[in-house]
Amino acid sequence: MLTLAPFTLAAQQTHVLMVAGLSGDPAFKSRFTSALTAMHTAVKTRWGVSDSSLIALTEDSTAFNGRSTRENIGKAFASLSRRVQPGDVLLVVLVGHGSGEGANSRVNLPGPDAAASEYASWLAPFARQQVVFVNAATGSGDFVSVLSAPGRIVVTATRSAVERNESEFLQYFARALATDDADANKDGRLSVLEAFQFARTEVTKSYAANNRMLTEHAVLSDSVSAARVAFGTSGRSSDPKVAALMAERQALESQVAALRARKAAMDVNTYEVELERLLLAIAEKSAAIRAAGGGK
């Protein structure tokens, strides 16, 4: 219970950057746009992310916040870096066609492409935030080794740069974020792990249903952290006692996020003792909520 106790992104400020690269084909453009639109709507309506903390870039200049050029992506990271606070969460989602290997892996963009190493440099200012970086493009696997770092969860649609066949991971990951289908424990919150496992399972089922060899294998860099980080809220109770307990639990979850942001500057033993204390307190609040009839 201590290892997997989740903290909700609603307890911190959430900042989101979505990038859809070049489609190269009307069918792919429709698919990329549909997935990005679904995720964009979920971020605003289901998670309550403000417009100032949500940036979406596509290959068309008239859609969302502008074109998904290398320059605009860099500017978006810089803009969000000025808004974030310690303990906040940054979600980055890349959509498109991938190519290259290692640090030179990339998602095809209008104009010059940005390499994985550039995304790593853009993420450098977010050392005190929890970063969730999702590359849902084909051939994306090498982003894991390039971007993995403390305080980061990296998800890729494939396990290597050579898995470049048409990928289905994107549509199911978008569905996980936009619906309740992936909320396995039905607590009203979607962990990164739940979203990943749902999308990976649905991809496998789709290939099996069509008697195809599985040519994409999604990767998650840190399953422990992915189980803790959850999107959305568990809802407000009409019972004042339950609502108060939920607010107290949310405050504790915020303290956990802030503690993680200070980890690098703390003594290891002090950090672990404080983290255990907070997680125990969260578990106790959750038990009290269930005992009071809150059910979560």
Protein backbone atom coordinates (compact mmCIF):
# COMPACT_ATOMS: atom_id res chain seq x y z
CA MET A 1 0.00 0.00 0.00
CA LEU A 2 2.87 2.37 0.78
CA THR A 3 4.52 1.72 -2.57
CA LEU A 4 1.47 2.28 -4.71
CA ALA A 5 -0.44 5.03 -2.89
CA PRO A 6 -1.39 7.49 -5.64
CA PHE A 7 -1.32 11.25 -5.53
CA THR A 8 -3.72 13.15 -7.71
CA LEU A 9 -2.68 15.82 -10.18
CA ALA A 10 -5.60 17.88 -8.92
CA ALA A 11 -3.59 18.46 -5.75
CA GLN A 12 -0.97 20.29 -7.78
CA GLN A 13 -1.06 22.52 -10.80
CA THR A 14 -1.04 20.52 -14.02
CA HIS A 15 0.59 21.84 -17.19
CA VAL A 16 0.18 20.13 -20.55
CA LEU A 17 1.97 20.32 -23.90
CA MET A 18 0.58 18.31 -26.83
CA VAL A 19 2.39 18.14 -30.16
CA ALA A 20 1.07 16.53 -33.35
CA GLY A 21 3.73 16.30 -36.05
CA LEU A 22 3.48 15.90 -39.80
CA SER A 23 0.84 13.41 -40.87
CA GLY A 24 1.91 12.96 -44.50
CA ASP A 25 -1.48 11.54 -45.39
CA PRO A 26 -5.14 12.62 -44.92
CA ALA A 27 -5.97 9.41 -43.04
CA PHE A 28 -3.11 9.92 -40.59
CA LYS A 29 -3.98 13.59 -40.22
CA SER A 30 -7.54 12.67 -39.27
CA ARG A 31 -6.28 10.10 -36.79
CA PHE A 32 -3.75 12.43 -35.17
CA THR A 33 -6.25 15.30 -34.98
CA SER A 34 -8.96 13.10 -33.50
CA ALA A 35 -6.66 11.75 -30.78
CA LEU A 36 -5.24 15.15 -29.90
CA THR A 37 -8.72 16.73 -29.79
CA ALA A 38 -9.99 14.00 -27.45
CA MET A 39 -7.03 14.43 -25.10
CA HIS A 40 -7.26 18.23 -25.26
CA THR A 41 -10.94 18.12 -24.30
CA ALA A 42 -10.27 15.70 -21.44
CA VAL A 43 -7.48 17.87 -20.06
CA LYS A 44 -9.79 20.90 -19.96
CA THR A 45 -13.10 19.39 -18.93
CA ARG A 46 -12.12 16.32 -16.90
CA TRP A 47 -8.94 17.59 -15.23
CA GLY A 48 -9.69 21.32 -15.08
CA VAL A 49 -6.39 22.45 -16.62
CA SER A 50 -6.50 26.17 -17.38
CA ASP A 51 -5.98 27.52 -20.89
CA SER A 52 -2.79 29.24 -19.78
CA SER A 53 -1.31 25.89 -18.73
CA LEU A 54 -2.40 24.01 -21.86
CA ILE A 55 -0.54 24.27 -25.17
CA ALA A 56 -1.45 22.20 -28.24
CA LEU A 57 0.54 22.45 -31.48
CA THR A 58 -0.33 20.80 -34.81
CA GLU A 59 0.90 20.89 -38.40
CA ASP A 60 -1.83 23.45 -39.22
CA SER A 61 -1.30 27.03 -38.11
CA THR A 62 -5.02 27.63 -37.54
CA ALA A 63 -5.56 24.72 -35.15
CA PHE A 64 -5.19 25.09 -31.39
CA ASN A 65 -2.12 27.18 -30.39
CA GLY A 66 -0.12 27.15 -33.61
CA ARG A 67 2.13 25.01 -35.81
CA SER A 68 4.19 22.20 -34.35
CA THR A 69 7.52 23.54 -35.52
CA ARG A 70 10.76 22.94 -33.66
CA GLU A 71 10.91 26.64 -32.78
CA ASN A 72 7.36 26.73 -31.41
CA ILE A 73 7.90 23.59 -29.34
CA GLY A 74 10.96 25.16 -27.73
CA LYS A 75 8.98 28.32 -27.01
CA ALA A 76 6.15 26.26 -25.48
CA PHE A 77 8.54 24.52 -23.07
CA ALA A 78 10.06 27.89 -22.14
CA SER A 79 6.62 29.39 -21.55
CA LEU A 80 5.53 26.54 -19.29
CA SER A 81 8.83 26.62 -17.39
CA ARG A 82 7.97 30.16 -16.29
CA ARG A 83 4.59 29.03 -14.95
CA VAL A 84 5.44 25.88 -13.04
CA GLN A 85 6.01 25.66 -9.31
CA PRO A 86 7.86 22.96 -7.32
CA GLY A 87 5.69 19.86 -7.10
CA ASP A 88 3.63 20.73 -10.19
CA VAL A 89 3.11 18.20 -12.97
CA LEU A 90 4.06 18.54 -16.62
CA LEU A 91 2.45 16.19 -19.13
CA VAL A 92 3.96 16.11 -22.62
CA VAL A 93 2.36 14.09 -25.42
CA LEU A 94 3.93 13.67 -28.87
CA VAL A 95 1.87 12.34 -31.79
CA GLY A 96 3.14 11.45 -35.25
CA HIS A 97 5.69 9.45 -37.24
CA GLY A 98 9.04 8.71 -35.64
CA SER A 99 12.49 8.08 -37.09
CA GLY A 100 16.17 8.05 -36.16
CA GLU A 101 18.01 6.26 -33.38
CA GLY A 102 19.26 7.04 -29.87
CA ALA A 103 19.73 10.73 -29.12
CA ASN A 104 18.86 11.49 -32.76
CA SER A 105 15.41 9.90 -32.53
CA ARG A 106 12.69 12.32 -33.55
CA VAL A 107 9.07 12.90 -34.47
CA ASN A 108 8.59 14.36 -37.93
CA LEU A 109 7.66 18.05 -37.77
CA PRO A 110 6.91 20.85 -40.24
CA GLY A 111 10.40 22.08 -41.09
CA PRO A 112 13.46 20.87 -39.13
CA ASP A 113 12.80 18.02 -36.71
CA ALA A 114 13.70 18.16 -33.01
CA ALA A 115 15.90 15.30 -31.80
CA ALA A 116 15.33 13.40 -28.55
CA SER A 117 18.41 15.12 -27.13
CA GLU A 118 16.71 18.50 -27.68
CA TYR A 119 13.62 17.37 -25.80
CA ALA A 120 15.96 16.36 -22.98
CA SER A 121 17.42 19.87 -22.90
CA TRP A 122 13.95 21.43 -23.00
CA LEU A 123 12.98 19.31 -19.98
CA ALA A 124 16.04 20.36 -17.95
CA PRO A 125 14.25 23.34 -16.28
CA PHE A 126 11.58 20.98 -14.89
CA ALA A 127 13.81 19.18 -12.38
CA ARG A 128 11.54 20.12 -9.46
CA GLN A 129 8.36 18.98 -11.19
CA GLN A 130 6.91 15.56 -11.95
CA VAL A 131 7.25 15.08 -15.71
CA VAL A 132 5.15 12.57 -17.64
CA PHE A 133 6.51 12.37 -21.20
CA VAL A 134 4.49 10.29 -23.67
CA ASN A 135 5.82 9.70 -27.17
CA ALA A 136 2.94 7.99 -28.95
CA ALA A 137 4.70 8.08 -32.32
CA THR A 138 6.06 5.12 -34.26
CA GLY A 139 9.75 4.26 -33.79
CA SER A 140 9.73 6.04 -30.43
CA GLY A 141 11.43 3.49 -28.16
CA ASP A 142 14.82 5.17 -27.93
CA PHE A 143 13.28 8.20 -26.23
CA VAL A 144 13.16 6.18 -23.01
CA SER A 145 16.93 5.91 -22.54
CA VAL A 146 17.51 9.49 -23.69
CA LEU A 147 14.90 11.14 -21.46
CA SER A 148 14.84 8.92 -18.35
CA ALA A 149 15.77 10.85 -15.21
CA PRO A 150 14.62 11.27 -11.60
CA GLY A 151 11.15 12.79 -11.48
CA ARG A 152 10.26 11.63 -14.99
CA ILE A 153 7.94 8.97 -16.32
CA VAL A 154 8.60 8.17 -19.97
CA VAL A 155 6.09 6.26 -22.10
CA THR A 156 6.72 5.23 -25.70
CA ALA A 157 4.46 3.48 -28.21
CA THR A 158 7.27 1.15 -29.28
CA ARG A 159 10.28 -0.45 -27.63
CA SER A 160 12.77 0.46 -30.35
CA ALA A 161 13.41 2.76 -33.28
CA VAL A 162 12.87 -0.08 -35.75
CA GLU A 163 9.21 -0.64 -34.81
CA ARG A 164 8.00 1.83 -37.39
CA ASN A 165 4.88 0.16 -38.76
CA GLU A 166 1.56 1.95 -38.29
CA SER A 167 0.95 2.15 -34.55
CA GLU A 168 -2.34 1.71 -32.70
CA PHE A 169 -1.09 2.76 -29.26
CA LEU A 170 -2.11 6.40 -29.76
CA GLN A 171 -5.83 5.79 -30.23
CA TYR A 172 -6.09 3.63 -27.12
CA PHE A 173 -3.98 5.93 -24.97
CA ALA A 174 -6.16 8.86 -26.03
CA ARG A 175 -9.25 6.79 -25.16
CA ALA A 176 -7.77 6.05 -21.73
CA LEU A 177 -7.35 9.75 -21.02
CA ALA A 178 -10.70 10.80 -22.44
CA THR A 179 -13.00 8.17 -20.88
CA ASP A 180 -13.43 6.10 -17.72
CA ASP A 181 -12.59 2.86 -19.55
CA ALA A 182 -9.04 2.60 -18.16
CA ASP A 183 -9.90 3.42 -14.53
CA ALA A 184 -9.24 -0.14 -13.35
CA ASN A 185 -9.86 0.40 -9.63
CA LYS A 186 -12.83 2.73 -10.28
CA ASP A 187 -11.60 5.39 -7.86
CA GLY A 188 -12.42 8.25 -10.22
CA ARG A 189 -8.73 8.90 -10.93
CA LEU A 190 -6.61 7.64 -13.80
CA SER A 191 -3.03 6.75 -12.99
CA VAL A 192 -0.36 6.85 -15.67
CA LEU A 193 0.08 3.12 -15.11
CA GLU A 194 -3.63 2.45 -15.66
CA ALA A 195 -3.59 4.45 -18.91
CA PHE A 196 -0.47 2.65 -20.13
CA GLN A 197 -1.70 -0.83 -19.25
CA PHE A 198 -5.09 -0.18 -20.82
CA ALA A 199 -3.58 1.06 -24.10
CA ARG A 200 -1.04 -1.77 -24.27
CA THR A 201 -3.70 -4.41 -23.57
CA GLU A 202 -6.10 -3.00 -26.17
CA VAL A 203 -3.31 -2.93 -28.78
CA THR A 204 -2.55 -6.61 -28.12
CA LYS A 205 -6.25 -7.50 -28.36
CA SER A 206 -6.60 -5.60 -31.63
CA TYR A 207 -3.70 -7.43 -33.25
CA ALA A 208 -4.98 -10.80 -32.02
CA ALA A 209 -8.52 -10.12 -33.26
CA ASN A 210 -7.15 -9.53 -36.75
CA ASN A 211 -4.68 -12.45 -36.68
CA ARG A 212 -1.71 -10.10 -37.07
CA MET A 213 1.76 -10.43 -35.64
CA LEU A 214 2.29 -7.86 -32.87
CA THR A 215 4.70 -5.28 -34.30
CA GLU A 216 4.52 -2.64 -31.57
CA HIS A 217 5.48 -3.04 -27.92
CA ALA A 218 4.82 -0.03 -25.69
CA VAL A 219 7.35 0.80 -22.97
CA LEU A 220 7.01 2.48 -19.56
CA SER A 221 10.16 3.68 -17.80
CA ASP A 222 8.97 3.71 -14.17
CA SER A 223 5.94 1.63 -13.19
CA VAL A 224 6.18 2.55 -9.49
CA SER A 225 5.95 6.29 -10.12
CA ALA A 226 3.38 5.68 -12.86
CA ALA A 227 1.11 3.98 -10.31
CA ARG A 228 1.37 6.97 -7.97
CA VAL A 229 0.69 9.76 -10.46
CA ALA A 230 -3.03 10.02 -11.23
CA PHE A 231 -5.06 12.37 -13.41
CA GLY A 232 -8.41 13.79 -12.40
CA THR A 233 -10.18 13.80 -9.07
CA SER A 234 -12.27 11.32 -7.17
CA GLY A 235 -15.14 13.77 -7.02
CA ARG A 236 -16.66 15.74 -4.14
CA SER A 237 -18.92 14.11 -1.59
CA SER A 238 -22.19 15.64 -0.44
CA ASP A 239 -21.37 14.35 3.04
CA PRO A 240 -19.48 17.15 4.88
CA LYS A 241 -17.47 14.64 6.91
CA VAL A 242 -16.34 12.72 3.81
CA ALA A 243 -15.64 15.93 1.90
CA ALA A 244 -13.45 17.18 4.76
CA LEU A 245 -11.52 13.90 4.85
CA MET A 246 -11.01 14.05 1.08
CA ALA A 247 -9.68 17.61 1.38
CA GLU A 248 -7.27 16.49 4.11
CA ARG A 249 -6.07 13.60 1.95
CA GLN A 250 -5.58 15.95 -0.98
CA ALA A 251 -3.46 18.25 1.19
CA LEU A 252 -1.29 15.29 2.17
CA GLU A 253 -0.94 14.31 -1.49
CA SER A 254 0.29 17.84 -2.24
CA GLN A 255 2.88 17.45 0.51
CA VAL A 256 4.10 14.23 -1.10
CA ALA A 257 4.53 15.99 -4.45
CA ALA A 258 6.41 18.87 -2.81
CA LEU A 259 8.62 16.41 -0.93
CA ARG A 260 9.51 14.60 -4.14
CA ALA A 261 10.50 17.92 -5.68
CA ARG A 262 12.96 18.49 -2.79
CA LYS A 263 14.40 14.96 -2.85
CA ALA A 264 17.69 15.85 -4.55
CA ALA A 265 18.52 18.38 -1.82
CA MET A 266 17.59 16.14 1.12
CA ASP A 267 19.36 13.51 3.18
CA VAL A 268 18.25 10.09 1.90
CA ASN A 269 17.15 8.78 5.30
CA THR A 270 15.27 11.98 6.14
CA TYR A 271 13.48 11.83 2.78
CA GLU A 272 12.45 8.19 3.19
CA VAL A 273 11.20 8.71 6.76
CA GLU A 274 9.13 11.73 5.74
CA LEU A 275 7.77 9.98 2.64
CA GLU A 276 6.73 6.96 4.69
CA ARG A 277 5.02 9.21 7.24
CA LEU A 278 3.02 10.98 4.56
CA LEU A 279 2.06 7.80 2.72
CA LEU A 280 0.90 6.22 5.98
CA ALA A 281 -1.19 9.31 6.70
CA ILE A 282 -2.73 9.12 3.21
CA ALA A 283 -3.54 5.43 3.72
CA GLU A 284 -5.18 6.25 7.06
CA LYS A 285 -7.25 9.04 5.45
CA SER A 286 -8.34 6.68 2.66
CA ALA A 287 -9.42 4.11 5.26
CA ALA A 288 -11.33 6.78 7.15
CA ILE A 289 -13.06 7.89 3.94
CA ARG A 290 -14.15 4.33 3.21
CA ALA A 291 -15.34 3.86 6.82
CA ALA A 292 -17.37 7.05 6.51
CA GLY A 293 -19.07 5.74 3.40
CA GLY A 294 -16.97 7.61 0.86
CA GLY A 295 -15.95 4.37 -0.83
CA LYS A 296 -12.60 5.74 -2.13
